[in-house]
Each structure stands twice: as structure tokens, then as C-alpha cells.
C-alpha atoms as a PDB file:
ATOM      1  CA  MET A   1      54.295  26.632  30.126  1.00  0.00           C
ATOM      2  CA  LYS A   2      57.501  25.092  29.466  1.00  0.00           C
ATOM      3  CA  VAL A   3      59.449  22.433  31.969  1.00  0.00           C
ATOM      4  CA  ARG A   4      62.679  21.274  31.847  1.00  0.00           C
ATOM      5  CA  VAL A   5      63.302  17.958  33.239  1.00  0.00           C
ATOM      6  CA  LYS A   6      66.717  16.283  35.110  1.00  0.00           C
ATOM      7  CA  VAL A   7      65.937  12.414  35.417  1.00  0.00           C
ATOM      8  CA  LEU A   8      68.561  10.567  36.969  1.00  0.00           C
ATOM      9  CA  ALA A   9      67.486   7.072  36.979  1.00  0.00           C
ATOM     10  CA  GLY A  10      70.831   4.801  36.524  1.00  0.00           C
ATOM     11  CA  SER A  11      71.611   7.191  34.141  1.00  0.00           C
ATOM     12  CA  VAL A  12      70.935  10.972  33.626  1.00  0.00           C
ATOM     13  CA  SER A  13      69.407  12.606  30.911  1.00  0.00           C
ATOM     14  CA  GLU A  14      67.355  15.916  30.257  1.00  0.00           C
ATOM     15  CA  HIS A  15      63.886  16.966  28.901  1.00  0.00           C
ATOM     16  CA  SER A  16      62.393  19.941  27.856  1.00  0.00           C
ATOM     17  CA  LEU A  17      58.582  19.420  27.899  1.00  0.00           C
ATOM     18  CA  GLU A  18      55.597  21.519  26.582  1.00  0.00           C
ATOM     19  CA  ILE A  19      53.101  20.976  29.442  1.00  0.00           C
ATOM     20  CA  ASP A  20      49.651  22.576  29.634  1.00  0.00           C
ATOM     21  CA  ASN A  21      48.580  24.820  32.338  1.00  0.00           C
ATOM     22  CA  GLY A  22      47.018  22.611  35.452  1.00  0.00           C
ATOM     23  CA  SER A  23      49.353  19.974  34.275  1.00  0.00           C
ATOM     24  CA  THR A  24      50.214  17.797  37.649  1.00  0.00           C
ATOM     25  CA  TYR A  25      53.631  16.134  37.991  1.00  0.00           C
ATOM     26  CA  GLY A  26      51.965  13.119  37.487  1.00  0.00           C
ATOM     27  CA  ASP A  27      51.116  14.197  34.111  1.00  0.00           C
ATOM     28  CA  VAL A  28      54.981  15.066  33.013  1.00  0.00           C
ATOM     29  CA  LEU A  29      56.467  11.433  34.649  1.00  0.00           C
ATOM     30  CA  GLU A  30      53.511  10.681  32.315  1.00  0.00           C
ATOM     31  CA  GLN A  31      54.633  12.395  29.220  1.00  0.00           C
ATOM     32  CA  LEU A  32      58.101  10.523  30.203  1.00  0.00           C
ATOM     33  CA  GLU A  33      57.115   7.344  31.008  1.00  0.00           C
ATOM     34  CA  LEU A  34      57.860   6.975  34.071  1.00  0.00           C
ATOM     35  CA  ASN A  35      55.493   5.016  36.691  1.00  0.00           C
ATOM     36  CA  PRO A  36      55.267   7.317  39.882  1.00  0.00           C
ATOM     37  CA  GLU A  37      55.932   4.328  41.921  1.00  0.00           C
ATOM     38  CA  THR A  38      59.748   4.393  41.276  1.00  0.00           C
ATOM     39  CA  VAL A  39      60.406   7.639  41.245  1.00  0.00           C
ATOM     40  CA  ILE A  40      60.485  11.201  43.573  1.00  0.00           C
ATOM     41  CA  VAL A  41      59.688  14.137  41.822  1.00  0.00           C
ATOM     42  CA  MET A  42      61.715  16.890  43.300  1.00  0.00           C
ATOM     43  CA  VAL A  43      61.436  21.011  42.964  1.00  0.00           C
ATOM     44  CA  ASP A  44      64.303  22.961  44.867  1.00  0.00           C
ATOM     45  CA  GLY A  45      65.665  20.251  46.779  1.00  0.00           C
ATOM     46  CA  THR A  46      61.929  19.014  48.328  1.00  0.00           C
ATOM     47  CA  PRO A  47      59.778  16.323  47.213  1.00  0.00           C
ATOM     48  CA  VAL A  48      56.671  17.357  45.747  1.00  0.00           C
ATOM     49  CA  PRO A  49      53.389  14.931  45.696  1.00  0.00           C
ATOM     50  CA  VAL A  50      52.667  14.075  41.875  1.00  0.00           C
ATOM     51  CA  ASP A  51      49.065  15.257  42.178  1.00  0.00           C
ATOM     52  CA  GLU A  52      49.901  18.740  43.029  1.00  0.00           C
ATOM     53  CA  MET A  53      50.181  21.532  39.820  1.00  0.00           C
ATOM     54  CA  VAL A  54      53.213  21.961  38.295  1.00  0.00           C
ATOM     55  CA  SER A  55      54.569  25.711  39.497  1.00  0.00           C
ATOM     56  CA  ALA A  56      58.220  25.285  38.950  1.00  0.00           C
ATOM     57  CA  GLY A  57      59.973  25.608  35.529  1.00  0.00           C
ATOM     58  CA  TYR A  58      62.731  22.985  36.452  1.00  0.00           C
ATOM     59  CA  LEU A  59      62.225  19.812  38.557  1.00  0.00           C
ATOM     60  CA  GLU A  60      64.625  16.888  38.934  1.00  0.00           C
ATOM     61  CA  VAL A  61      63.030  13.144  38.599  1.00  0.00           C
ATOM     62  CA  LEU A  62      65.143  10.996  41.067  1.00  0.00           C
ATOM     63  CA  ARG A  63      64.529   6.701  40.276  1.00  0.00           C
ATOM     64  CA  ILE A  64      63.727   5.221  44.084  1.00  0.00           C
ATOM     65  CA  VAL A  65      66.679   2.104  44.782  1.00  0.00           C
ATOM     66  CA  SER A  66      65.903  -0.173  47.363  1.00  0.00           C
ATOM     67  CA  GLY A  67      68.028  -3.347  47.855  1.00  0.00           C
ATOM     68  CA  GLY A  68      67.704  -6.302  50.477  1.00  0.00           C
END
């Protein structure tokens, strides 16, 4: 399955990945070498759990920003 990923983490980058059927969003983050504790995966503007199976061909990954 081919998945397009837009990563919004300081700068914007786009990736096209080939993943296995049954892969999770966490598997996608692993391929991109992103820590799942520092990002949110969004599909159609809605956050999805990283342990959910990929069901969309396009997703966005947003870096979590916090300050104090």
C-alpha cells in the first residue's frame, strides 16, 4: 500500500512510503524515524491512535510543541 505523509515539524516535508497491509500508524512513524510521543498523526483533520491500522492513503504528522 502506498501512503503519502506530510510532516509538519518545524519545517514541512512530504514523503511517499510503501507499507505492508496491516501496518499501523506507529509503523509509519517508525519508517520516518519519528518518536510517537512527540507527534500527533492526523487523518482528515482528526487525530488517530498510533496502534490503529492505516486506512487512508494520505496523512499528516504534527509535532507537539509545548512551552513553559
